[in-house]
């Protein structure tokens, strides 16, 4: 989920090959389905064809949210009271489904 150039930089810096939030969302636009875990919640993202609700994000039927684009997701997506962008370093197993 990360580019070869970024992987080389991470390797040189001794950092793990872990996608940042932008890499993860780029993966969503490639695979159309992504997931990660946070505090026991399996959080899923789907790319939808409805242009008014492009990104679907949720972890249960009661917790489903929609965003117009990548930037709207980055600025507004929350799990409880926490913005996803602020807790990204704590999520587990970010990957495509």
PDB file of N, CA and C in Angstrom:
ATOM      1  N   UNK A   1       0.807  -1.195   0.000  1.00  0.00           N
ATOM      2  CA  UNK A   1       0.000   0.000   0.000  1.00  0.00           C
ATOM      3  C   UNK A   1       0.852   1.263   0.000  1.00  0.00           C
ATOM      4  N   UNK A   2       2.141   1.121   0.072  1.00  0.00           N
ATOM      5  CA  UNK A   2       2.981   2.306  -0.029  1.00  0.00           C
ATOM      6  C   UNK A   2       3.835   2.182  -1.280  1.00  0.00           C
ATOM      7  N   UNK A   3       4.225   3.307  -1.817  1.00  0.00           N
ATOM      8  CA  UNK A   3       5.006   3.295  -3.052  1.00  0.00           C
ATOM      9  C   UNK A   3       6.410   2.752  -2.791  1.00  0.00           C
ATOM     10  N   UNK A   4       7.045   2.310  -3.858  1.00  0.00           N
ATOM     11  CA  UNK A   4       8.405   1.796  -3.749  1.00  0.00           C
ATOM     12  C   UNK A   4       9.350   2.890  -3.253  1.00  0.00           C
ATOM     13  N   UNK A   5       9.187   4.102  -3.755  1.00  0.00           N
ATOM     14  CA  UNK A   5      10.048   5.199  -3.309  1.00  0.00           C
ATOM     15  C   UNK A   5       9.873   5.465  -1.811  1.00  0.00           C
ATOM     16  N   UNK A   6       8.619   5.445  -1.353  1.00  0.00           N
ATOM     17  CA  UNK A   6       8.388   5.666   0.075  1.00  0.00           C
ATOM     18  C   UNK A   6       8.951   4.502   0.892  1.00  0.00           C
ATOM     19  N   UNK A   7       8.812   3.288   0.385  1.00  0.00           N
ATOM     20  CA  UNK A   7       9.356   2.114   1.081  1.00  0.00           C
ATOM     21  C   UNK A   7      10.871   2.234   1.227  1.00  0.00           C
ATOM     22  N   UNK A   8      11.542   2.726   0.204  1.00  0.00           N
ATOM     23  CA  UNK A   8      12.994   2.910   0.275  1.00  0.00           C
ATOM     24  C   UNK A   8      13.355   3.918   1.363  1.00  0.00           C
ATOM     25  N   UNK A   9      12.621   5.012   1.430  1.00  0.00           N
ATOM     26  CA  UNK A   9      12.877   6.042   2.439  1.00  0.00           C
ATOM     27  C   UNK A   9      12.642   5.478   3.841  1.00  0.00           C
ATOM     28  N   UNK A  10      11.515   4.772   4.014  1.00  0.00           N
ATOM     29  CA  UNK A  10      11.217   4.182   5.323  1.00  0.00           C
ATOM     30  C   UNK A  10      12.294   3.177   5.724  1.00  0.00           C
ATOM     31  N   UNK A  11      12.760   2.398   4.767  1.00  0.00           N
ATOM     32  CA  UNK A  11      13.809   1.416   5.042  1.00  0.00           C
ATOM     33  C   UNK A  11      15.090   2.116   5.493  1.00  0.00           C
ATOM     34  N   UNK A  12      15.471   3.175   4.771  1.00  0.00           N
ATOM     35  CA  UNK A  12      16.683   3.920   5.123  1.00  0.00           C
ATOM     36  C   UNK A  12      16.571   4.563   6.504  1.00  0.00           C
ATOM     37  N   UNK A  13      15.351   4.945   6.878  1.00  0.00           N
ATOM     38  CA  UNK A  13      15.137   5.569   8.182  1.00  0.00           C
ATOM     39  C   UNK A  13      14.903   4.543   9.288  1.00  0.00           C
ATOM     40  N   UNK A  14      14.869   3.265   8.919  1.00  0.00           N
ATOM     41  CA  UNK A  14      14.653   2.214   9.901  1.00  0.00           C
ATOM     42  C   UNK A  14      13.226   2.156  10.422  1.00  0.00           C
ATOM     43  N   UNK A  15      12.281   2.682   9.646  1.00  0.00           N
ATOM     44  CA  UNK A  15      10.874   2.718  10.058  1.00  0.00           C
ATOM     45  C   UNK A  15      10.113   1.559   9.416  1.00  0.00           C
ATOM     46  N   UNK A  16       9.013   1.105  10.027  1.00  0.00           N
ATOM     47  CA  UNK A  16       8.218   0.019   9.455  1.00  0.00           C
ATOM     48  C   UNK A  16       7.501   0.467   8.184  1.00  0.00           C
ATOM     49  N   UNK A  17       7.224  -0.484   7.324  1.00  0.00           N
ATOM     50  CA  UNK A  17       6.486  -0.208   6.080  1.00  0.00           C
ATOM     51  C   UNK A  17       5.005  -0.139   6.407  1.00  0.00           C
ATOM     52  N   UNK A  18       4.612   0.959   6.956  1.00  0.00           N
ATOM     53  CA  UNK A  18       3.233   1.161   7.400  1.00  0.00           C
ATOM     54  C   UNK A  18       2.650   2.358   6.653  1.00  0.00           C
ATOM     55  N   UNK A  19       1.457   2.190   6.085  1.00  0.00           N
ATOM     56  CA  UNK A  19       0.869   3.310   5.350  1.00  0.00           C
ATOM     57  C   UNK A  19       0.413   4.427   6.277  1.00  0.00           C
ATOM     58  N   UNK A  20       0.661   5.667   5.870  1.00  0.00           N
ATOM     59  CA  UNK A  20       0.056   6.778   6.599  1.00  0.00           C
ATOM     60  C   UNK A  20      -1.389   6.910   6.113  1.00  0.00           C
ATOM     61  N   UNK A  21      -2.130   7.835   6.649  1.00  0.00           N
ATOM     62  CA  UNK A  21      -3.549   7.960   6.298  1.00  0.00           C
ATOM     63  C   UNK A  21      -3.726   8.255   4.815  1.00  0.00           C
ATOM     64  N   UNK A  22      -2.864   9.073   4.233  1.00  0.00           N
ATOM     65  CA  UNK A  22      -2.969   9.361   2.802  1.00  0.00           C
ATOM     66  C   UNK A  22      -2.716   8.119   1.964  1.00  0.00           C
ATOM     67  N   UNK A  23      -1.702   7.331   2.323  1.00  0.00           N
ATOM     68  CA  UNK A  23      -1.444   6.078   1.611  1.00  0.00           C
ATOM     69  C   UNK A  23      -2.660   5.160   1.694  1.00  0.00           C
ATOM     70  N   UNK A  24      -3.224   5.062   2.875  1.00  0.00           N
ATOM     71  CA  UNK A  24      -4.385   4.205   3.107  1.00  0.00           C
ATOM     72  C   UNK A  24      -5.560   4.636   2.231  1.00  0.00           C
ATOM     73  N   UNK A  25      -5.822   5.934   2.186  1.00  0.00           N
ATOM     74  CA  UNK A  25      -6.941   6.428   1.372  1.00  0.00           C
ATOM     75  C   UNK A  25      -6.649   6.301  -0.115  1.00  0.00           C
ATOM     76  N   UNK A  26      -5.404   6.416  -0.519  1.00  0.00           N
ATOM     77  CA  UNK A  26      -5.050   6.138  -1.916  1.00  0.00           C
ATOM     78  C   UNK A  26      -5.367   4.678  -2.232  1.00  0.00           C
ATOM     79  N   UNK A  27      -5.112   3.790  -1.274  1.00  0.00           N
ATOM     80  CA  UNK A  27      -5.462   2.379  -1.443  1.00  0.00           C
ATOM     81  C   UNK A  27      -6.959   2.194  -1.608  1.00  0.00           C
ATOM     82  N   UNK A  28      -7.739   2.980  -0.880  1.00  0.00           N
ATOM     83  CA  UNK A  28      -9.195   2.911  -1.025  1.00  0.00           C
ATOM     84  C   UNK A  28      -9.605   3.235  -2.456  1.00  0.00           C
ATOM     85  N   UNK A  29      -8.997   4.243  -3.043  1.00  0.00           N
ATOM     86  CA  UNK A  29      -9.335   4.615  -4.421  1.00  0.00           C
ATOM     87  C   UNK A  29      -8.849   3.579  -5.428  1.00  0.00           C
ATOM     88  N   UNK A  30      -7.915   2.735  -5.040  1.00  0.00           N
ATOM     89  CA  UNK A  30      -7.450   1.665  -5.917  1.00  0.00           C
ATOM     90  C   UNK A  30      -8.276   0.390  -5.731  1.00  0.00           C
ATOM     91  N   UNK A  31      -8.469  -0.028  -4.474  1.00  0.00           N
ATOM     92  CA  UNK A  31      -9.130  -1.300  -4.180  1.00  0.00           C
ATOM     93  C   UNK A  31     -10.635  -1.178  -3.949  1.00  0.00           C
ATOM     94  N   UNK A  32     -11.126  -0.011  -3.609  1.00  0.00           N
ATOM     95  CA  UNK A  32     -12.545   0.272  -3.327  1.00  0.00           C
ATOM     96  C   UNK A  32     -13.024  -0.229  -1.967  1.00  0.00           C
ATOM     97  N   UNK A  33     -12.213  -1.005  -1.262  1.00  0.00           N
ATOM     98  CA  UNK A  33     -12.578  -1.504   0.065  1.00  0.00           C
ATOM     99  C   UNK A  33     -11.323  -1.578   0.918  1.00  0.00           C
ATOM    100  N   UNK A  34     -11.383  -0.974   2.105  1.00  0.00           N
ATOM    101  CA  UNK A  34     -10.249  -0.997   3.016  1.00  0.00           C
ATOM    102  C   UNK A  34     -10.769  -1.210   4.433  1.00  0.00           C
ATOM    103  N   UNK A  35      -9.870  -1.629   5.320  1.00  0.00           N
ATOM    104  CA  UNK A  35     -10.262  -1.808   6.707  1.00  0.00           C
ATOM    105  C   UNK A  35      -9.075  -1.580   7.631  1.00  0.00           C
ATOM    106  N   UNK A  36      -9.392  -1.288   8.878  1.00  0.00           N
ATOM    107  CA  UNK A  36      -8.399  -1.230   9.949  1.00  0.00           C
ATOM    108  C   UNK A  36      -9.118  -1.517  11.253  1.00  0.00           C
ATOM    109  N   UNK A  37      -8.339  -1.791  12.288  1.00  0.00           N
ATOM    110  CA  UNK A  37      -8.879  -2.056  13.615  1.00  0.00           C
ATOM    111  C   UNK A  37      -8.465  -0.941  14.562  1.00  0.00           C
ATOM    112  N   UNK A  38      -9.397  -0.553  15.441  1.00  0.00           N
ATOM    113  CA  UNK A  38      -9.086   0.438  16.464  1.00  0.00           C
ATOM    114  C   UNK A  38      -9.907   0.128  17.707  1.00  0.00           C
ATOM    115  N   UNK A  39      -9.230  -0.129  18.796  1.00  0.00           N
ATOM    116  CA  UNK A  39      -9.874  -0.445  20.078  1.00  0.00           C
ATOM    117  C   UNK A  39     -10.949  -1.527  19.934  1.00  0.00           C
ATOM    118  N   UNK A  40     -10.608  -2.582  19.206  1.00  0.00           N
ATOM    119  CA  UNK A  40     -11.519  -3.705  19.031  1.00  0.00           C
ATOM    120  C   UNK A  40     -12.587  -3.519  17.975  1.00  0.00           C
ATOM    121  N   UNK A  41     -12.624  -2.372  17.311  1.00  0.00           N
ATOM    122  CA  UNK A  41     -13.610  -2.115  16.254  1.00  0.00           C
ATOM    123  C   UNK A  41     -12.996  -2.389  14.891  1.00  0.00           C
ATOM    124  N   UNK A  42     -13.695  -3.164  14.077  1.00  0.00           N
ATOM    125  CA  UNK A  42     -13.270  -3.389  12.699  1.00  0.00           C
ATOM    126  C   UNK A  42     -13.876  -2.280  11.848  1.00  0.00           C
ATOM    127  N   UNK A  43     -13.081  -1.291  11.529  1.00  0.00           N
ATOM    128  CA  UNK A  43     -13.542  -0.112  10.791  1.00  0.00           C
ATOM    129  C   UNK A  43     -13.333  -0.337   9.302  1.00  0.00           C
ATOM    130  N   UNK A  44     -14.393  -0.156   8.528  1.00  0.00           N
ATOM    131  CA  UNK A  44     -14.364  -0.443   7.098  1.00  0.00           C
ATOM    132  C   UNK A  44     -14.683   0.809   6.290  1.00  0.00           C
ATOM    133  N   UNK A  45     -14.029   0.906   5.149  1.00  0.00           N
ATOM    134  CA  UNK A  45     -14.300   1.992   4.208  1.00  0.00           C
ATOM    135  C   UNK A  45     -14.621   1.378   2.859  1.00  0.00           C
ATOM    136  N   UNK A  46     -15.616   1.951   2.196  1.00  0.00           N
ATOM    137  CA  UNK A  46     -16.014   1.507   0.867  1.00  0.00           C
ATOM    138  C   UNK A  46     -16.111   2.724  -0.037  1.00  0.00           C
ATOM    139  N   UNK A  47     -15.658   2.556  -1.249  1.00  0.00           N
ATOM    140  CA  UNK A  47     -15.812   3.605  -2.238  1.00  0.00           C
ATOM    141  C   UNK A  47     -17.119   3.342  -2.966  1.00  0.00           C
ATOM    142  N   UNK A  48     -18.029   4.295  -2.931  1.00  0.00           N
ATOM    143  CA  UNK A  48     -19.354   4.147  -3.514  1.00  0.00           C
ATOM    144  C   UNK A  48     -19.460   4.895  -4.838  1.00  0.00           C
ATOM    145  N   UNK A  49     -20.362   4.440  -5.673  1.00  0.00           N
ATOM    146  CA  UNK A  49     -20.550   5.089  -6.976  1.00  0.00           C
ATOM    147  C   UNK A  49     -21.456   6.310  -6.888  1.00  0.00           C
ATOM    148  N   UNK A  50     -22.229   6.442  -5.802  1.00  0.00           N
ATOM    149  CA  UNK A  50     -23.083   7.612  -5.612  1.00  0.00           C
ATOM    150  C   UNK A  50     -22.189   8.816  -5.355  1.00  0.00           C
ATOM    151  N   UNK A  51     -22.185   9.759  -6.256  1.00  0.00           N
ATOM    152  CA  UNK A  51     -21.259  10.892  -6.174  1.00  0.00           C
ATOM    153  C   UNK A  51     -21.518  11.791  -4.968  1.00  0.00           C
ATOM    154  N   UNK A  52     -22.716  11.785  -4.405  1.00  0.00           N
ATOM    155  CA  UNK A  52     -22.998  12.615  -3.240  1.00  0.00           C
ATOM    156  C   UNK A  52     -22.490  11.998  -1.937  1.00  0.00           C
ATOM    157  N   UNK A  53     -22.222  10.719  -1.958  1.00  0.00           N
ATOM    158  CA  UNK A  53     -21.743  10.009  -0.768  1.00  0.00           C
ATOM    159  C   UNK A  53     -20.657   9.040  -1.204  1.00  0.00           C
ATOM    160  N   UNK A  54     -19.526   9.557  -1.593  1.00  0.00           N
ATOM    161  CA  UNK A  54     -18.484   8.752  -2.225  1.00  0.00           C
ATOM    162  C   UNK A  54     -17.813   7.732  -1.286  1.00  0.00           C
ATOM    163  N   UNK A  55     -17.483   8.131  -0.053  1.00  0.00           N
ATOM    164  CA  UNK A  55     -16.808   7.227   0.882  1.00  0.00           C
ATOM    165  C   UNK A  55     -17.764   6.856   2.008  1.00  0.00           C
ATOM    166  N   UNK A  56     -17.963   5.559   2.181  1.00  0.00           N
ATOM    167  CA  UNK A  56     -18.756   5.050   3.302  1.00  0.00           C
ATOM    168  C   UNK A  56     -17.782   4.524   4.347  1.00  0.00           C
ATOM    169  N   UNK A  57     -17.982   4.917   5.613  1.00  0.00           N
ATOM    170  CA  UNK A  57     -17.090   4.548   6.696  1.00  0.00           C
ATOM    171  C   UNK A  57     -17.920   4.104   7.890  1.00  0.00           C
ATOM    172  N   UNK A  58     -17.564   2.984   8.474  1.00  0.00           N
ATOM    173  CA  UNK A  58     -18.296   2.546   9.657  1.00  0.00           C
ATOM    174  C   UNK A  58     -17.721   1.295  10.270  1.00  0.00           C
ATOM    175  N   UNK A  59     -18.329   0.913  11.415  1.00  0.00           N
ATOM    176  CA  UNK A  59     -17.898  -0.288  12.124  1.00  0.00           C
ATOM    177  C   UNK A  59     -19.086  -1.080  12.647  1.00  0.00           C
ATOM    178  N   UNK A  60     -20.301  -0.587  12.449  1.00  0.00           N
ATOM    179  CA  UNK A  60     -21.509  -1.331  12.805  1.00  0.00           C
ATOM    180  C   UNK A  60     -22.674  -0.689  12.051  1.00  0.00           C
ATOM    181  N   UNK A  61     -23.812  -1.378  11.972  1.00  0.00           N
ATOM    182  CA  UNK A  61     -24.965  -0.778  11.271  1.00  0.00           C
ATOM    183  C   UNK A  61     -25.409   0.555  11.876  1.00  0.00           C
ATOM    184  N   UNK A  62     -25.157   0.747  13.158  1.00  0.00           N
ATOM    185  CA  UNK A  62     -25.545   1.992  13.822  1.00  0.00           C
ATOM    186  C   UNK A  62     -24.504   3.098  13.648  1.00  0.00           C
ATOM    187  N   UNK A  63     -23.343   2.739  13.168  1.00  0.00           N
ATOM    188  CA  UNK A  63     -22.242   3.696  13.028  1.00  0.00           C
ATOM    189  C   UNK A  63     -21.708   3.684  11.600  1.00  0.00           C
ATOM    190  N   UNK A  64     -22.459   4.285  10.703  1.00  0.00           N
ATOM    191  CA  UNK A  64     -22.066   4.392   9.300  1.00  0.00           C
ATOM    192  C   UNK A  64     -22.128   5.867   8.918  1.00  0.00           C
ATOM    193  N   UNK A  65     -21.053   6.335   8.301  1.00  0.00           N
ATOM    194  CA  UNK A  65     -20.940   7.749   7.951  1.00  0.00           C
ATOM    195  C   UNK A  65     -20.479   7.872   6.512  1.00  0.00           C
ATOM    196  N   UNK A  66     -20.840   8.978   5.873  1.00  0.00           N
ATOM    197  CA  UNK A  66     -20.514   9.195   4.468  1.00  0.00           C
ATOM    198  C   UNK A  66     -19.740  10.490   4.289  1.00  0.00           C
ATOM    199  N   UNK A  67     -18.805  10.459   3.343  1.00  0.00           N
ATOM    200  CA  UNK A  67     -17.968  11.618   3.050  1.00  0.00           C
ATOM    201  C   UNK A  67     -17.869  11.794   1.540  1.00  0.00           C
ATOM    202  N   UNK A  68     -17.817  13.041   1.110  1.00  0.00           N
ATOM    203  CA  UNK A  68     -17.781  13.332  -0.320  1.00  0.00           C
ATOM    204  C   UNK A  68     -16.465  12.940  -0.982  1.00  0.00           C
ATOM    205  N   UNK A  69     -15.359  13.085  -0.246  1.00  0.00           N
ATOM    206  CA  UNK A  69     -14.058  12.808  -0.844  1.00  0.00           C
ATOM    207  C   UNK A  69     -13.022  12.561   0.247  1.00  0.00           C
ATOM    208  N   UNK A  70     -11.809  12.336  -0.205  1.00  0.00           N
ATOM    209  CA  UNK A  70     -10.688  12.041   0.691  1.00  0.00           C
ATOM    210  C   UNK A  70     -10.468  13.161   1.710  1.00  0.00           C
ATOM    211  N   UNK A  71     -10.481  14.395   1.268  1.00  0.00           N
ATOM    212  CA  UNK A  71     -10.248  15.522   2.169  1.00  0.00           C
ATOM    213  C   UNK A  71     -11.339  15.645   3.235  1.00  0.00           C
ATOM    214  N   UNK A  72     -12.589  15.430   2.825  1.00  0.00           N
ATOM    215  CA  UNK A  72     -13.691  15.481   3.793  1.00  0.00           C
ATOM    216  C   UNK A  72     -13.524  14.381   4.834  1.00  0.00           C
ATOM    217  N   UNK A  73     -13.067  13.200   4.395  1.00  0.00           N
ATOM    218  CA  UNK A  73     -12.823  12.111   5.336  1.00  0.00           C
ATOM    219  C   UNK A  73     -11.719  12.503   6.321  1.00  0.00           C
ATOM    220  N   UNK A  74     -10.600  12.993   5.805  1.00  0.00           N
ATOM    221  CA  UNK A  74      -9.470  13.357   6.662  1.00  0.00           C
ATOM    222  C   UNK A  74      -9.878  14.399   7.700  1.00  0.00           C
ATOM    223  N   UNK A  75     -10.648  15.385   7.302  1.00  0.00           N
ATOM    224  CA  UNK A  75     -11.003  16.481   8.200  1.00  0.00           C
ATOM    225  C   UNK A  75     -12.126  16.144   9.177  1.00  0.00           C
ATOM    226  N   UNK A  76     -12.981  15.144   8.835  1.00  0.00           N
ATOM    227  CA  UNK A  76     -14.200  14.945   9.625  1.00  0.00           C
ATOM    228  C   UNK A  76     -14.440  13.548  10.182  1.00  0.00           C
ATOM    229  N   UNK A  77     -13.773  12.529   9.673  1.00  0.00           N
ATOM    230  CA  UNK A  77     -14.062  11.156  10.118  1.00  0.00           C
ATOM    231  C   UNK A  77     -13.653  10.960  11.568  1.00  0.00           C
ATOM    232  N   UNK A  78     -14.592  10.439  12.349  1.00  0.00           N
ATOM    233  CA  UNK A  78     -14.350  10.213  13.776  1.00  0.00           C
ATOM    234  C   UNK A  78     -14.755   8.806  14.179  1.00  0.00           C
ATOM    235  N   UNK A  79     -14.093   8.341  15.202  1.00  0.00           N
ATOM    236  CA  UNK A  79     -14.507   7.144  15.925  1.00  0.00           C
ATOM    237  C   UNK A  79     -14.772   7.643  17.339  1.00  0.00           C
ATOM    238  N   UNK A  80     -16.024   7.696  17.693  1.00  0.00           N
ATOM    239  CA  UNK A  80     -16.389   8.332  18.954  1.00  0.00           C
ATOM    240  C   UNK A  80     -16.089   9.815  18.853  1.00  0.00           C
ATOM    241  N   UNK A  81     -15.304  10.324  19.774  1.00  0.00           N
ATOM    242  CA  UNK A  81     -14.924  11.739  19.770  1.00  0.00           C
ATOM    243  C   UNK A  81     -13.547  11.985  19.171  1.00  0.00           C
ATOM    244  N   UNK A  82     -12.916  10.940  18.638  1.00  0.00           N
ATOM    245  CA  UNK A  82     -11.555  11.059  18.133  1.00  0.00           C
ATOM    246  C   UNK A  82     -11.528  11.097  16.608  1.00  0.00           C
ATOM    247  N   UNK A  83     -10.856  12.085  16.062  1.00  0.00           N
ATOM    248  CA  UNK A  83     -10.671  12.134  14.615  1.00  0.00           C
ATOM    249  C   UNK A  83      -9.736  11.013  14.189  1.00  0.00           C
ATOM    250  N   UNK A  84     -10.077  10.355  13.101  1.00  0.00           N
ATOM    251  CA  UNK A  84      -9.243   9.264  12.600  1.00  0.00           C
ATOM    252  C   UNK A  84      -7.824   9.771  12.329  1.00  0.00           C
ATOM    253  N   UNK A  85      -7.700  10.965  11.780  1.00  0.00           N
ATOM    254  CA  UNK A  85      -6.360  11.494  11.488  1.00  0.00           C
ATOM    255  C   UNK A  85      -5.520  11.650  12.747  1.00  0.00           C
ATOM    256  N   UNK A  86      -6.158  11.877  13.895  1.00  0.00           N
ATOM    257  CA  UNK A  86      -5.420  12.056  15.145  1.00  0.00           C
ATOM    258  C   UNK A  86      -5.026  10.739  15.816  1.00  0.00           C
ATOM    259  N   UNK A  87      -5.703   9.665  15.470  1.00  0.00           N
ATOM    260  CA  UNK A  87      -5.408   8.372  16.100  1.00  0.00           C
ATOM    261  C   UNK A  87      -4.767   7.395  15.113  1.00  0.00           C
ATOM    262  N   UNK A  88      -4.438   7.873  13.915  1.00  0.00           N
ATOM    263  CA  UNK A  88      -3.964   6.963  12.867  1.00  0.00           C
ATOM    264  C   UNK A  88      -2.749   6.143  13.309  1.00  0.00           C
ATOM    265  N   UNK A  89      -1.871   6.715  14.093  1.00  0.00           N
ATOM    266  CA  UNK A  89      -0.693   5.975  14.547  1.00  0.00           C
ATOM    267  C   UNK A  89      -1.047   4.866  15.534  1.00  0.00           C
ATOM    268  N   UNK A  90      -2.295   4.814  15.996  1.00  0.00           N
ATOM    269  CA  UNK A  90      -2.729   3.780  16.943  1.00  0.00           C
ATOM    270  C   UNK A  90      -3.603   2.702  16.297  1.00  0.00           C
ATOM    271  N   UNK A  91      -3.985   2.886  15.023  1.00  0.00           N
ATOM    272  CA  UNK A  91      -4.820   1.866  14.383  1.00  0.00           C
ATOM    273  C   UNK A  91      -3.976   0.631  14.097  1.00  0.00           C
ATOM    274  N   UNK A  92      -4.653  -0.501  14.000  1.00  0.00           N
ATOM    275  CA  UNK A  92      -3.973  -1.773  13.754  1.00  0.00           C
ATOM    276  C   UNK A  92      -4.395  -2.359  12.423  1.00  0.00           C
ATOM    277  N   UNK A  93      -3.463  -2.979  11.770  1.00  0.00           N
ATOM    278  CA  UNK A  93      -3.692  -3.766  10.558  1.00  0.00           C
ATOM    279  C   UNK A  93      -4.440  -3.011   9.459  1.00  0.00           C
ATOM    280  N   UNK A  94      -3.998  -1.813   9.068  1.00  0.00           N
ATOM    281  CA  UNK A  94      -4.657  -1.122   7.956  1.00  0.00           C
ATOM    282  C   UNK A  94      -4.343  -1.846   6.648  1.00  0.00           C
ATOM    283  N   UNK A  95      -5.404  -2.257   5.927  1.00  0.00           N
ATOM    284  CA  UNK A  95      -5.190  -3.052   4.711  1.00  0.00           C
ATOM    285  C   UNK A  95      -6.433  -3.059   3.845  1.00  0.00           C
ATOM    286  N   UNK A  96      -6.286  -3.609   2.656  1.00  0.00           N
ATOM    287  CA  UNK A  96      -7.455  -3.799   1.805  1.00  0.00           C
ATOM    288  C   UNK A  96      -8.159  -5.077   2.226  1.00  0.00           C
ATOM    289  N   UNK A  97      -9.444  -5.128   1.909  1.00  0.00           N
ATOM    290  CA  UNK A  97     -10.231  -6.296   2.332  1.00  0.00           C
ATOM    291  C   UNK A  97     -10.192  -7.388   1.288  1.00  0.00           C
TER     292      UNK A  97
END
